[in-house]
Amino acid sequence: MADRPRLTLTATVLDSPDARELATFYERLLGWSRHDDEPNWVTLRAPDGGAGLSFQTEPAYVRPVWPAGPQEPQMMAHLDIKVDDLDAASAHAVVVGATVAAFQPQDDVRVHLDPAGHPFCLFL
């Protein structure tokens, strides 16, 4: 399609009650650096390039429930993070502030919740 303009995905944005707090968690989890750092907007960049993660303060933020039941706020998206050691990566995630989700749908994936309640999956 020759008429299509060039589109480049630069980041996934996660809402939270405090952008800086959630960015600090992912900064520690992933080892990425801050690119933008404002009170209500923070962007992290991967050291090897590619799309980053951004965080936006949302005063009306509602924490998702994993897994969601009827009438509960559902996750809208989640992050998949490839690791080389599932147990070590899970322990690291907990040390920096994640919780291990009570429901684990697969043996080779570990679902965690970040401090704002967003699920993310660690996998081999």
PDB file of N, CA and C in Angstrom:
ATOM      1  N   MET A   1       0.857  -1.186   0.000  1.00  0.00           N
ATOM      2  CA  MET A   1       0.000   0.000   0.000  1.00  0.00           C
ATOM      3  C   MET A   1       0.897   1.240   0.000  1.00  0.00           C
ATOM      4  N   ALA A   2       1.128   1.796  -1.141  1.00  0.00           N
ATOM      5  CA  ALA A   2       2.064   2.898  -1.315  1.00  0.00           C
ATOM      6  C   ALA A   2       1.589   4.197  -0.663  1.00  0.00           C
ATOM      7  N   ASP A   3       0.291   4.379  -0.495  1.00  0.00           N
ATOM      8  CA  ASP A   3      -0.221   5.628   0.052  1.00  0.00           C
ATOM      9  C   ASP A   3      -0.225   5.673   1.577  1.00  0.00           C
ATOM     10  N   ARG A   4       0.147   4.568   2.206  1.00  0.00           N
ATOM     11  CA  ARG A   4       0.116   4.534   3.663  1.00  0.00           C
ATOM     12  C   ARG A   4       1.255   5.367   4.220  1.00  0.00           C
ATOM     13  N   PRO A   5       0.971   6.281   5.137  1.00  0.00           N
ATOM     14  CA  PRO A   5       2.057   7.051   5.744  1.00  0.00           C
ATOM     15  C   PRO A   5       2.878   6.164   6.673  1.00  0.00           C
ATOM     16  N   ARG A   6       4.091   6.567   6.934  1.00  0.00           N
ATOM     17  CA  ARG A   6       4.956   5.811   7.842  1.00  0.00           C
ATOM     18  C   ARG A   6       4.444   5.977   9.272  1.00  0.00           C
ATOM     19  N   LEU A   7       4.257   4.860   9.965  1.00  0.00           N
ATOM     20  CA  LEU A   7       3.789   4.862  11.346  1.00  0.00           C
ATOM     21  C   LEU A   7       4.806   4.106  12.189  1.00  0.00           C
ATOM     22  N   THR A   8       5.192   4.673  13.327  1.00  0.00           N
ATOM     23  CA  THR A   8       6.181   4.052  14.191  1.00  0.00           C
ATOM     24  C   THR A   8       5.648   4.001  15.612  1.00  0.00           C
ATOM     25  N   LEU A   9       5.520   2.801  16.143  1.00  0.00           N
ATOM     26  CA  LEU A   9       5.110   2.646  17.529  1.00  0.00           C
ATOM     27  C   LEU A   9       6.282   3.049  18.409  1.00  0.00           C
ATOM     28  N   THR A  10       6.086   4.021  19.292  1.00  0.00           N
ATOM     29  CA  THR A  10       7.184   4.503  20.128  1.00  0.00           C
ATOM     30  C   THR A  10       7.071   4.061  21.574  1.00  0.00           C
ATOM     31  N   ALA A  11       5.844   3.774  22.041  1.00  0.00           N
ATOM     32  CA  ALA A  11       5.697   3.377  23.444  1.00  0.00           C
ATOM     33  C   ALA A  11       4.318   2.805  23.696  1.00  0.00           C
ATOM     34  N   THR A  12       4.237   2.023  24.749  1.00  0.00           N
ATOM     35  CA  THR A  12       2.967   1.619  25.336  1.00  0.00           C
ATOM     36  C   THR A  12       2.792   2.493  26.557  1.00  0.00           C
ATOM     37  N   VAL A  13       1.593   3.013  26.766  1.00  0.00           N
ATOM     38  CA  VAL A  13       1.332   3.925  27.885  1.00  0.00           C
ATOM     39  C   VAL A  13       0.461   3.224  28.917  1.00  0.00           C
ATOM     40  N   LEU A  14       0.902   3.241  30.171  1.00  0.00           N
ATOM     41  CA  LEU A  14       0.133   2.704  31.278  1.00  0.00           C
ATOM     42  C   LEU A  14      -0.347   3.840  32.160  1.00  0.00           C
ATOM     43  N   ASP A  15      -1.649   3.864  32.435  1.00  0.00           N
ATOM     44  CA  ASP A  15      -2.202   4.833  33.375  1.00  0.00           C
ATOM     45  C   ASP A  15      -1.965   4.337  34.788  1.00  0.00           C
ATOM     46  N   SER A  16      -1.905   5.264  35.718  1.00  0.00           N
ATOM     47  CA  SER A  16      -1.747   4.918  37.124  1.00  0.00           C
ATOM     48  C   SER A  16      -2.129   6.126  37.970  1.00  0.00           C
ATOM     49  N   PRO A  17      -2.306   5.922  39.261  1.00  0.00           N
ATOM     50  CA  PRO A  17      -2.589   7.077  40.118  1.00  0.00           C
ATOM     51  C   PRO A  17      -1.378   7.988  40.270  1.00  0.00           C
ATOM     52  N   ASP A  18      -0.161   7.470  39.996  1.00  0.00           N
ATOM     53  CA  ASP A  18       1.068   8.257  40.130  1.00  0.00           C
ATOM     54  C   ASP A  18       2.077   7.777  39.094  1.00  0.00           C
ATOM     55  N   ALA A  19       2.243   8.556  38.026  1.00  0.00           N
ATOM     56  CA  ALA A  19       3.124   8.166  36.917  1.00  0.00           C
ATOM     57  C   ALA A  19       4.552   7.912  37.377  1.00  0.00           C
ATOM     58  N   ARG A  20       5.078   8.774  38.218  1.00  0.00           N
ATOM     59  CA  ARG A  20       6.468   8.621  38.655  1.00  0.00           C
ATOM     60  C   ARG A  20       6.655   7.363  39.501  1.00  0.00           C
ATOM     61  N   GLU A  21       5.698   7.053  40.340  1.00  0.00           N
ATOM     62  CA  GLU A  21       5.803   5.857  41.181  1.00  0.00           C
ATOM     63  C   GLU A  21       5.822   4.584  40.326  1.00  0.00           C
ATOM     64  N   LEU A  22       4.920   4.502  39.363  1.00  0.00           N
ATOM     65  CA  LEU A  22       4.878   3.314  38.516  1.00  0.00           C
ATOM     66  C   LEU A  22       6.109   3.241  37.611  1.00  0.00           C
ATOM     67  N   ALA A  23       6.567   4.389  37.116  1.00  0.00           N
ATOM     68  CA  ALA A  23       7.784   4.401  36.289  1.00  0.00           C
ATOM     69  C   ALA A  23       8.988   3.918  37.089  1.00  0.00           C
ATOM     70  N   THR A  24       9.069   4.298  38.347  1.00  0.00           N
ATOM     71  CA  THR A  24      10.171   3.851  39.195  1.00  0.00           C
ATOM     72  C   THR A  24      10.167   2.331  39.325  1.00  0.00           C
ATOM     73  N   PHE A  25       8.985   1.737  39.482  1.00  0.00           N
ATOM     74  CA  PHE A  25       8.893   0.276  39.549  1.00  0.00           C
ATOM     75  C   PHE A  25       9.466  -0.357  38.284  1.00  0.00           C
ATOM     76  N   TYR A  26       8.998   0.080  37.100  1.00  0.00           N
ATOM     77  CA  TYR A  26       9.461  -0.523  35.846  1.00  0.00           C
ATOM     78  C   TYR A  26      10.926  -0.192  35.555  1.00  0.00           C
ATOM     79  N   GLU A  27      11.380   0.957  35.993  1.00  0.00           N
ATOM     80  CA  GLU A  27      12.793   1.316  35.865  1.00  0.00           C
ATOM     81  C   GLU A  27      13.648   0.293  36.628  1.00  0.00           C
ATOM     82  N   ARG A  28      13.234  -0.057  37.839  1.00  0.00           N
ATOM     83  CA  ARG A  28      13.964  -1.049  38.639  1.00  0.00           C
ATOM     84  C   ARG A  28      13.796  -2.460  38.074  1.00  0.00           C
ATOM     85  N   LEU A  29      12.592  -2.787  37.613  1.00  0.00           N
ATOM     86  CA  LEU A  29      12.329  -4.121  37.066  1.00  0.00           C
ATOM     87  C   LEU A  29      13.152  -4.380  35.810  1.00  0.00           C
ATOM     88  N   LEU A  30      13.107  -3.443  34.871  1.00  0.00           N
ATOM     89  CA  LEU A  30      13.716  -3.651  33.554  1.00  0.00           C
ATOM     90  C   LEU A  30      15.140  -3.105  33.423  1.00  0.00           C
ATOM     91  N   GLY A  31      15.515  -2.187  34.307  1.00  0.00           N
ATOM     92  CA  GLY A  31      16.829  -1.563  34.179  1.00  0.00           C
ATOM     93  C   GLY A  31      16.886  -0.526  33.070  1.00  0.00           C
ATOM     94  N   TRP A  32      15.738   0.004  32.678  1.00  0.00           N
ATOM     95  CA  TRP A  32      15.681   1.016  31.628  1.00  0.00           C
ATOM     96  C   TRP A  32      15.892   2.397  32.228  1.00  0.00           C
ATOM     97  N   SER A  33      16.202   3.383  31.374  1.00  0.00           N
ATOM     98  CA  SER A  33      16.440   4.749  31.845  1.00  0.00           C
ATOM     99  C   SER A  33      15.289   5.676  31.469  1.00  0.00           C
ATOM    100  N   ARG A  34      15.179   6.739  32.232  1.00  0.00           N
ATOM    101  CA  ARG A  34      14.131   7.749  31.982  1.00  0.00           C
ATOM    102  C   ARG A  34      14.529   8.638  30.824  1.00  0.00           C
ATOM    103  N   HIS A  35      13.558   8.879  29.978  1.00  0.00           N
ATOM    104  CA  HIS A  35      13.758   9.791  28.852  1.00  0.00           C
ATOM    105  C   HIS A  35      13.020  11.093  29.126  1.00  0.00           C
ATOM    106  N   ASP A  36      11.761  11.003  29.459  1.00  0.00           N
ATOM    107  CA  ASP A  36      10.958  12.156  29.874  1.00  0.00           C
ATOM    108  C   ASP A  36      10.590  11.939  31.331  1.00  0.00           C
ATOM    109  N   ASP A  37      10.619  12.989  32.123  1.00  0.00           N
ATOM    110  CA  ASP A  37      10.279  12.870  33.532  1.00  0.00           C
ATOM    111  C   ASP A  37       9.574  14.142  33.983  1.00  0.00           C
ATOM    112  N   GLU A  38       8.259  14.111  33.900  1.00  0.00           N
ATOM    113  CA  GLU A  38       7.425  15.216  34.353  1.00  0.00           C
ATOM    114  C   GLU A  38       6.523  14.690  35.464  1.00  0.00           C
ATOM    115  N   PRO A  39       5.916  15.545  36.257  1.00  0.00           N
ATOM    116  CA  PRO A  39       5.098  15.050  37.370  1.00  0.00           C
ATOM    117  C   PRO A  39       4.010  14.056  36.967  1.00  0.00           C
ATOM    118  N   ASN A  40       3.399  14.227  35.810  1.00  0.00           N
ATOM    119  CA  ASN A  40       2.286  13.368  35.400  1.00  0.00           C
ATOM    120  C   ASN A  40       2.582  12.542  34.157  1.00  0.00           C
ATOM    121  N   TRP A  41       3.839  12.524  33.707  1.00  0.00           N
ATOM    122  CA  TRP A  41       4.218  11.790  32.492  1.00  0.00           C
ATOM    123  C   TRP A  41       5.687  11.392  32.578  1.00  0.00           C
ATOM    124  N   VAL A  42       5.957  10.112  32.453  1.00  0.00           N
ATOM    125  CA  VAL A  42       7.332   9.607  32.459  1.00  0.00           C
ATOM    126  C   VAL A  42       7.466   8.603  31.321  1.00  0.00           C
ATOM    127  N   THR A  43       8.591   8.657  30.618  1.00  0.00           N
ATOM    128  CA  THR A  43       8.882   7.705  29.560  1.00  0.00           C
ATOM    129  C   THR A  43      10.195   7.002  29.872  1.00  0.00           C
ATOM    130  N   LEU A  44      10.177   5.669  29.757  1.00  0.00           N
ATOM    131  CA  LEU A  44      11.387   4.867  29.888  1.00  0.00           C
ATOM    132  C   LEU A  44      11.781   4.351  28.515  1.00  0.00           C
ATOM    133  N   ARG A  45      13.086   4.278  28.289  1.00  0.00           N
ATOM    134  CA  ARG A  45      13.605   3.763  27.020  1.00  0.00           C
ATOM    135  C   ARG A  45      14.494   2.555  27.278  1.00  0.00           C
ATOM    136  N   ALA A  46      14.380   1.568  26.413  1.00  0.00           N
ATOM    137  CA  ALA A  46      15.237   0.388  26.481  1.00  0.00           C
ATOM    138  C   ALA A  46      16.640   0.763  26.023  1.00  0.00           C
ATOM    139  N   PRO A  47      17.665   0.196  26.644  1.00  0.00           N
ATOM    140  CA  PRO A  47      19.031   0.548  26.254  1.00  0.00           C
ATOM    141  C   PRO A  47      19.372   0.161  24.812  1.00  0.00           C
ATOM    142  N   ASP A  48      18.694  -0.852  24.266  1.00  0.00           N
ATOM    143  CA  ASP A  48      18.982  -1.296  22.900  1.00  0.00           C
ATOM    144  C   ASP A  48      18.008  -0.735  21.874  1.00  0.00           C
ATOM    145  N   GLY A  49      17.225   0.271  22.250  1.00  0.00           N
ATOM    146  CA  GLY A  49      16.284   0.887  21.332  1.00  0.00           C
ATOM    147  C   GLY A  49      14.939   0.199  21.333  1.00  0.00           C
ATOM    148  N   GLY A  50      14.147   0.475  20.341  1.00  0.00           N
ATOM    149  CA  GLY A  50      12.803  -0.098  20.264  1.00  0.00           C
ATOM    150  C   GLY A  50      11.804   0.748  21.029  1.00  0.00           C
ATOM    151  N   ALA A  51      10.586   0.254  21.058  1.00  0.00           N
ATOM    152  CA  ALA A  51       9.519   0.982  21.735  1.00  0.00           C
ATOM    153  C   ALA A  51       9.779   1.019  23.234  1.00  0.00           C
ATOM    154  N   GLY A  52       9.368   2.107  23.855  1.00  0.00           N
ATOM    155  CA  GLY A  52       9.550   2.269  25.284  1.00  0.00           C
ATOM    156  C   GLY A  52       8.247   2.079  26.037  1.00  0.00           C
ATOM    157  N   LEU A  53       8.277   2.440  27.289  1.00  0.00           N
ATOM    158  CA  LEU A  53       7.094   2.433  28.148  1.00  0.00           C
ATOM    159  C   LEU A  53       6.898   3.843  28.669  1.00  0.00           C
ATOM    160  N   SER A  54       5.657   4.299  28.637  1.00  0.00           N
ATOM    161  CA  SER A  54       5.332   5.601  29.202  1.00  0.00           C
ATOM    162  C   SER A  54       4.277   5.423  30.277  1.00  0.00           C
ATOM    163  N   PHE A  55       4.250   6.364  31.195  1.00  0.00           N
ATOM    164  CA  PHE A  55       3.350   6.295  32.340  1.00  0.00           C
ATOM    165  C   PHE A  55       2.674   7.640  32.494  1.00  0.00           C
ATOM    166  N   GLN A  56       1.369   7.587  32.686  1.00  0.00           N
ATOM    167  CA  GLN A  56       0.547   8.791  32.749  1.00  0.00           C
ATOM    168  C   GLN A  56      -0.266   8.761  34.034  1.00  0.00           C
ATOM    169  N   THR A  57      -0.237   9.863  34.774  1.00  0.00           N
ATOM    170  CA  THR A  57      -1.074   9.970  35.965  1.00  0.00           C
ATOM    171  C   THR A  57      -2.513  10.140  35.537  1.00  0.00           C
ATOM    172  N   GLU A  58      -3.379   9.322  36.087  1.00  0.00           N
ATOM    173  CA  GLU A  58      -4.820   9.385  35.826  1.00  0.00           C
ATOM    174  C   GLU A  58      -5.518   9.465  37.175  1.00  0.00           C
ATOM    175  N   PRO A  59      -6.020  10.662  37.540  1.00  0.00           N
ATOM    176  CA  PRO A  59      -6.657  10.819  38.852  1.00  0.00           C
ATOM    177  C   PRO A  59      -7.852   9.889  39.076  1.00  0.00           C
ATOM    178  N   ALA A  60      -8.540   9.499  38.011  1.00  0.00           N
ATOM    179  CA  ALA A  60      -9.714   8.622  38.153  1.00  0.00           C
ATOM    180  C   ALA A  60      -9.355   7.160  37.888  1.00  0.00           C
ATOM    181  N   TYR A  61      -8.087   6.812  37.988  1.00  0.00           N
ATOM    182  CA  TYR A  61      -7.627   5.451  37.704  1.00  0.00           C
ATOM    183  C   TYR A  61      -8.351   4.438  38.588  1.00  0.00           C
ATOM    184  N   VAL A  62      -8.775   3.344  37.967  1.00  0.00           N
ATOM    185  CA  VAL A  62      -9.403   2.227  38.678  1.00  0.00           C
ATOM    186  C   VAL A  62      -8.518   1.009  38.465  1.00  0.00           C
ATOM    187  N   ARG A  63      -8.062   0.435  39.540  1.00  0.00           N
ATOM    188  CA  ARG A  63      -7.169  -0.727  39.494  1.00  0.00           C
ATOM    189  C   ARG A  63      -7.892  -1.915  38.857  1.00  0.00           C
ATOM    190  N   PRO A  64      -7.286  -2.573  37.836  1.00  0.00           N
ATOM    191  CA  PRO A  64      -7.923  -3.746  37.240  1.00  0.00           C
ATOM    192  C   PRO A  64      -7.864  -4.943  38.186  1.00  0.00           C
ATOM    193  N   VAL A  65      -8.712  -5.906  37.940  1.00  0.00           N
ATOM    194  CA  VAL A  65      -8.747  -7.138  38.726  1.00  0.00           C
ATOM    195  C   VAL A  65      -8.300  -8.279  37.816  1.00  0.00           C
ATOM    196  N   TRP A  66      -7.397  -9.124  38.312  1.00  0.00           N
ATOM    197  CA  TRP A  66      -6.922 -10.266  37.526  1.00  0.00           C
ATOM    198  C   TRP A  66      -7.147 -11.545  38.316  1.00  0.00           C
ATOM    199  N   PRO A  67      -7.807 -12.523  37.739  1.00  0.00           N
ATOM    200  CA  PRO A  67      -8.700 -12.378  36.579  1.00  0.00           C
ATOM    201  C   PRO A  67      -9.991 -11.691  37.011  1.00  0.00           C
ATOM    202  N   ALA A  68     -10.552 -10.927  36.121  1.00  0.00           N
ATOM    203  CA  ALA A  68     -11.750 -10.156  36.437  1.00  0.00           C
ATOM    204  C   ALA A  68     -12.989 -11.040  36.435  1.00  0.00           C
ATOM    205  N   GLY A  69     -13.860 -10.778  37.374  1.00  0.00           N
ATOM    206  CA  GLY A  69     -15.155 -11.435  37.422  1.00  0.00           C
ATOM    207  C   GLY A  69     -16.217 -10.491  36.897  1.00  0.00           C
ATOM    208  N   PRO A  70     -17.474 -10.894  36.958  1.00  0.00           N
ATOM    209  CA  PRO A  70     -18.561 -10.030  36.491  1.00  0.00           C
ATOM    210  C   PRO A  70     -18.551  -8.689  37.226  1.00  0.00           C
ATOM    211  N   GLN A  71     -18.703  -7.641  36.481  1.00  0.00           N
ATOM    212  CA  GLN A  71     -18.799  -6.276  36.994  1.00  0.00           C
ATOM    213  C   GLN A  71     -17.509  -5.760  37.633  1.00  0.00           C
ATOM    214  N   GLU A  72     -16.375  -6.449  37.439  1.00  0.00           N
ATOM    215  CA  GLU A  72     -15.094  -5.980  37.963  1.00  0.00           C
ATOM    216  C   GLU A  72     -14.292  -5.327  36.832  1.00  0.00           C
ATOM    217  N   PRO A  73     -13.446  -4.342  37.170  1.00  0.00           N
ATOM    218  CA  PRO A  73     -12.652  -3.680  36.120  1.00  0.00           C
ATOM    219  C   PRO A  73     -11.620  -4.641  35.531  1.00  0.00           C
ATOM    220  N   GLN A  74     -11.708  -4.838  34.219  1.00  0.00           N
ATOM    221  CA  GLN A  74     -10.821  -5.763  33.525  1.00  0.00           C
ATOM    222  C   GLN A  74      -9.559  -5.056  33.054  1.00  0.00           C
ATOM    223  N   MET A  75      -8.488  -5.845  32.932  1.00  0.00           N
ATOM    224  CA  MET A  75      -7.275  -5.292  32.328  1.00  0.00           C
ATOM    225  C   MET A  75      -7.568  -4.987  30.858  1.00  0.00           C
ATOM    226  N   MET A  76      -6.946  -3.966  30.355  1.00  0.00           N
ATOM    227  CA  MET A  76      -7.127  -3.603  28.946  1.00  0.00           C
ATOM    228  C   MET A  76      -5.975  -4.132  28.100  1.00  0.00           C
ATOM    229  N   ALA A  77      -4.849  -4.364  28.749  1.00  0.00           N
ATOM    230  CA  ALA A  77      -3.655  -4.876  28.075  1.00  0.00           C
ATOM    231  C   ALA A  77      -2.734  -5.415  29.156  1.00  0.00           C
ATOM    232  N   HIS A  78      -1.735  -6.179  28.730  1.00  0.00           N
ATOM    233  CA  HIS A  78      -0.715  -6.606  29.675  1.00  0.00           C
ATOM    234  C   HIS A  78       0.617  -6.683  28.947  1.00  0.00           C
ATOM    235  N   LEU A  79       1.702  -6.701  29.703  1.00  0.00           N
ATOM    236  CA  LEU A  79       3.033  -6.773  29.132  1.00  0.00           C
ATOM    237  C   LEU A  79       3.542  -8.208  29.213  1.00  0.00           C
ATOM    238  N   ASP A  80       4.168  -8.689  28.152  1.00  0.00           N
ATOM    239  CA  ASP A  80       4.852  -9.975  28.124  1.00  0.00           C
ATOM    240  C   ASP A  80       6.349  -9.696  28.154  1.00  0.00           C
ATOM    241  N   ILE A  81       7.034 -10.242  29.144  1.00  0.00           N
ATOM    242  CA  ILE A  81       8.460  -9.978  29.325  1.00  0.00           C
ATOM    243  C   ILE A  81       9.202 -11.312  29.303  1.00  0.00           C
ATOM    244  N   LYS A  82      10.043 -11.499  28.292  1.00  0.00           N
ATOM    245  CA  LYS A  82      10.820 -12.731  28.170  1.00  0.00           C
ATOM    246  C   LYS A  82      11.989 -12.691  29.152  1.00  0.00           C
ATOM    247  N   VAL A  83      12.218 -13.824  29.821  1.00  0.00           N
ATOM    248  CA  VAL A  83      13.292 -13.927  30.812  1.00  0.00           C
ATOM    249  C   VAL A  83      14.107 -15.188  30.534  1.00  0.00           C
ATOM    250  N   ASP A  84      15.306 -15.254  31.102  1.00  0.00           N
ATOM    251  CA  ASP A  84      16.114 -16.454  30.929  1.00  0.00           C
ATOM    252  C   ASP A  84      16.027 -17.398  32.124  1.00  0.00           C
ATOM    253  N   ASP A  85      15.509 -16.921  33.255  1.00  0.00           N
ATOM    254  CA  ASP A  85      15.340 -17.741  34.454  1.00  0.00           C
ATOM    255  C   ASP A  85      14.053 -17.290  35.134  1.00  0.00           C
ATOM    256  N   LEU A  86      13.011 -18.083  35.012  1.00  0.00           N
ATOM    257  CA  LEU A  86      11.691 -17.697  35.496  1.00  0.00           C
ATOM    258  C   LEU A  86      11.662 -17.481  37.008  1.00  0.00           C
ATOM    259  N   ASP A  87      12.274 -18.368  37.757  1.00  0.00           N
ATOM    260  CA  ASP A  87      12.269 -18.226  39.219  1.00  0.00           C
ATOM    261  C   ASP A  87      13.039 -16.988  39.668  1.00  0.00           C
ATOM    262  N   ALA A  88      14.220 -16.760  39.100  1.00  0.00           N
ATOM    263  CA  ALA A  88      15.026 -15.592  39.467  1.00  0.00           C
ATOM    264  C   ALA A  88      14.333 -14.298  39.060  1.00  0.00           C
ATOM    265  N   ALA A  89      13.744 -14.271  37.869  1.00  0.00           N
ATOM    266  CA  ALA A  89      13.053 -13.070  37.401  1.00  0.00           C
ATOM    267  C   ALA A  89      11.826 -12.779  38.259  1.00  0.00           C
ATOM    268  N   SER A  90      11.106 -13.820  38.655  1.00  0.00           N
ATOM    269  CA  SER A  90       9.942 -13.645  39.513  1.00  0.00           C
ATOM    270  C   SER A  90      10.364 -13.086  40.869  1.00  0.00           C
ATOM    271  N   ALA A  91      11.426 -13.640  41.437  1.00  0.00           N
ATOM    272  CA  ALA A  91      11.927 -13.146  42.727  1.00  0.00           C
ATOM    273  C   ALA A  91      12.354 -11.687  42.611  1.00  0.00           C
ATOM    274  N   HIS A  92      13.033 -11.313  41.530  1.00  0.00           N
ATOM    275  CA  HIS A  92      13.446  -9.923  41.300  1.00  0.00           C
ATOM    276  C   HIS A  92      12.226  -9.013  41.218  1.00  0.00           C
ATOM    277  N   ALA A  93      11.213  -9.444  40.483  1.00  0.00           N
ATOM    278  CA  ALA A  93       9.993  -8.633  40.339  1.00  0.00           C
ATOM    279  C   ALA A  93       9.360  -8.371  41.699  1.00  0.00           C
ATOM    280  N   VAL A  94       9.330  -9.376  42.553  1.00  0.00           N
ATOM    281  CA  VAL A  94       8.743  -9.218  43.887  1.00  0.00           C
ATOM    282  C   VAL A  94       9.586  -8.261  44.730  1.00  0.00           C
ATOM    283  N   VAL A  95      10.896  -8.372  44.652  1.00  0.00           N
ATOM    284  CA  VAL A  95      11.786  -7.496  45.423  1.00  0.00           C
ATOM    285  C   VAL A  95      11.574  -6.034  45.047  1.00  0.00           C
ATOM    286  N   VAL A  96      11.346  -5.746  43.748  1.00  0.00           N
ATOM    287  CA  VAL A  96      11.177  -4.349  43.328  1.00  0.00           C
ATOM    288  C   VAL A  96       9.742  -3.849  43.459  1.00  0.00           C
ATOM    289  N   GLY A  97       8.805  -4.705  43.921  1.00  0.00           N
ATOM    290  CA  GLY A  97       7.469  -4.208  44.233  1.00  0.00           C
ATOM    291  C   GLY A  97       6.293  -4.910  43.600  1.00  0.00           C
ATOM    292  N   ALA A  98       6.516  -5.942  42.797  1.00  0.00           N
ATOM    293  CA  ALA A  98       5.405  -6.680  42.185  1.00  0.00           C
ATOM    294  C   ALA A  98       4.842  -7.689  43.177  1.00  0.00           C
ATOM    295  N   THR A  99       3.643  -8.153  42.877  1.00  0.00           N
ATOM    296  CA  THR A  99       3.089  -9.286  43.604  1.00  0.00           C
ATOM    297  C   THR A  99       2.818 -10.390  42.595  1.00  0.00           C
ATOM    298  N   VAL A 100       2.958 -11.620  43.044  1.00  0.00           N
ATOM    299  CA  VAL A 100       2.643 -12.763  42.189  1.00  0.00           C
ATOM    300  C   VAL A 100       1.128 -12.932  42.222  1.00  0.00           C
ATOM    301  N   ALA A 101       0.506 -13.005  41.049  1.00  0.00           N
ATOM    302  CA  ALA A 101      -0.947 -13.160  40.971  1.00  0.00           C
ATOM    303  C   ALA A 101      -1.352 -14.513  41.540  1.00  0.00           C
ATOM    304  N   ALA A 102      -2.484 -14.549  42.197  1.00  0.00           N
ATOM    305  CA  ALA A 102      -2.983 -15.798  42.765  1.00  0.00           C
ATOM    306  C   ALA A 102      -3.333 -16.802  41.669  1.00  0.00           C
ATOM    307  N   PHE A 103      -3.850 -16.322  40.542  1.00  0.00           N
ATOM    308  CA  PHE A 103      -4.234 -17.192  39.434  1.00  0.00           C
ATOM    309  C   PHE A 103      -3.087 -17.273  38.441  1.00  0.00           C
ATOM    310  N   GLN A 104      -2.610 -18.477  38.185  1.00  0.00           N
ATOM    311  CA  GLN A 104      -1.523 -18.731  37.238  1.00  0.00           C
ATOM    312  C   GLN A 104      -2.035 -19.706  36.178  1.00  0.00           C
ATOM    313  N   PRO A 105      -2.337 -19.228  34.961  1.00  0.00           N
ATOM    314  CA  PRO A 105      -2.956 -20.089  33.956  1.00  0.00           C
ATOM    315  C   PRO A 105      -2.016 -21.054  33.240  1.00  0.00           C
ATOM    316  N   GLN A 106      -0.697 -20.857  33.343  1.00  0.00           N
ATOM    317  CA  GLN A 106       0.248 -21.708  32.622  1.00  0.00           C
ATOM    318  C   GLN A 106       1.456 -22.015  33.503  1.00  0.00           C
ATOM    319  N   ASP A 107       2.066 -23.184  33.291  1.00  0.00           N
ATOM    320  CA  ASP A 107       3.232 -23.566  34.078  1.00  0.00           C
ATOM    321  C   ASP A 107       4.496 -22.812  33.692  1.00  0.00           C
ATOM    322  N   ASP A 108       4.640 -22.442  32.413  1.00  0.00           N
ATOM    323  CA  ASP A 108       5.859 -21.799  31.950  1.00  0.00           C
ATOM    324  C   ASP A 108       5.750 -20.279  31.854  1.00  0.00           C
ATOM    325  N   VAL A 109       4.724 -19.719  32.482  1.00  0.00           N
ATOM    326  CA  VAL A 109       4.506 -18.275  32.532  1.00  0.00           C
ATOM    327  C   VAL A 109       4.177 -17.922  33.977  1.00  0.00           C
ATOM    328  N   ARG A 110       4.694 -16.800  34.439  1.00  0.00           N
ATOM    329  CA  ARG A 110       4.381 -16.346  35.790  1.00  0.00           C
ATOM    330  C   ARG A 110       3.728 -14.972  35.688  1.00  0.00           C
ATOM    331  N   VAL A 111       2.469 -14.890  36.098  1.00  0.00           N
ATOM    332  CA  VAL A 111       1.728 -13.625  36.063  1.00  0.00           C
ATOM    333  C   VAL A 111       1.990 -12.866  37.359  1.00  0.00           C
ATOM    334  N   HIS A 112       2.333 -11.591  37.211  1.00  0.00           N
ATOM    335  CA  HIS A 112       2.558 -10.693  38.340  1.00  0.00           C
ATOM    336  C   HIS A 112       1.664  -9.471  38.182  1.00  0.00           C
ATOM    337  N   LEU A 113       1.518  -8.732  39.251  1.00  0.00           N
ATOM    338  CA  LEU A 113       0.799  -7.460  39.227  1.00  0.00           C
ATOM    339  C   LEU A 113       1.771  -6.372  39.635  1.00  0.00           C
ATOM    340  N   ASP A 114       1.810  -5.284  38.854  1.00  0.00           N
ATOM    341  CA  ASP A 114       2.666  -4.169  39.236  1.00  0.00           C
ATOM    342  C   ASP A 114       1.992  -3.380  40.363  1.00  0.00           C
ATOM    343  N   PRO A 115       2.638  -2.373  40.929  1.00  0.00           N
ATOM    344  CA  PRO A 115       2.043  -1.648  42.051  1.00  0.00           C
ATOM    345  C   PRO A 115       0.697  -0.980  41.756  1.00  0.00           C
ATOM    346  N   ALA A 116       0.392  -0.712  40.481  1.00  0.00           N
ATOM    347  CA  ALA A 116      -0.904  -0.122  40.125  1.00  0.00           C
ATOM    348  C   ALA A 116      -1.921  -1.195  39.738  1.00  0.00           C
ATOM    349  N   GLY A 117      -1.524  -2.474  39.794  1.00  0.00           N
ATOM    350  CA  GLY A 117      -2.443  -3.567  39.504  1.00  0.00           C
ATOM    351  C   GLY A 117      -2.425  -4.083  38.083  1.00  0.00           C
ATOM    352  N   HIS A 118      -1.591  -3.505  37.211  1.00  0.00           N
ATOM    353  CA  HIS A 118      -1.501  -3.993  35.833  1.00  0.00           C
ATOM    354  C   HIS A 118      -0.841  -5.370  35.828  1.00  0.00           C
ATOM    355  N   PRO A 119      -1.479  -6.377  35.229  1.00  0.00           N
ATOM    356  CA  PRO A 119      -0.819  -7.667  35.108  1.00  0.00           C
ATOM    357  C   PRO A 119       0.329  -7.604  34.093  1.00  0.00           C
ATOM    358  N   PHE A 120       1.387  -8.357  34.371  1.00  0.00           N
ATOM    359  CA  PHE A 120       2.426  -8.572  33.388  1.00  0.00           C
ATOM    360  C   PHE A 120       2.904 -10.009  33.524  1.00  0.00           C
ATOM    361  N   CYS A 121       3.331 -10.570  32.404  1.00  0.00           N
ATOM    362  CA  CYS A 121       3.719 -11.985  32.373  1.00  0.00           C
ATOM    363  C   CYS A 121       5.208 -12.110  32.138  1.00  0.00           C
ATOM    364  N   LEU A 122       5.858 -12.897  32.964  1.00  0.00           N
ATOM    365  CA  LEU A 122       7.228 -13.303  32.739  1.00  0.00           C
ATOM    366  C   LEU A 122       7.182 -14.681  32.119  1.00  0.00           C
ATOM    367  N   PHE A 123       7.957 -14.903  31.075  1.00  0.00           N
ATOM    368  CA  PHE A 123       7.941 -16.205  30.403  1.00  0.00           C
ATOM    369  C   PHE A 123       9.318 -16.555  29.894  1.00  0.00           C
ATOM    370  N   LEU A 124       9.537 -17.858  29.686  1.00  0.00           N
ATOM    371  CA  LEU A 124      10.811 -18.352  29.154  1.00  0.00           C
ATOM    372  C   LEU A 124      10.813 -18.298  27.645  1.00  0.00           C
TER     373      LEU A 124
END
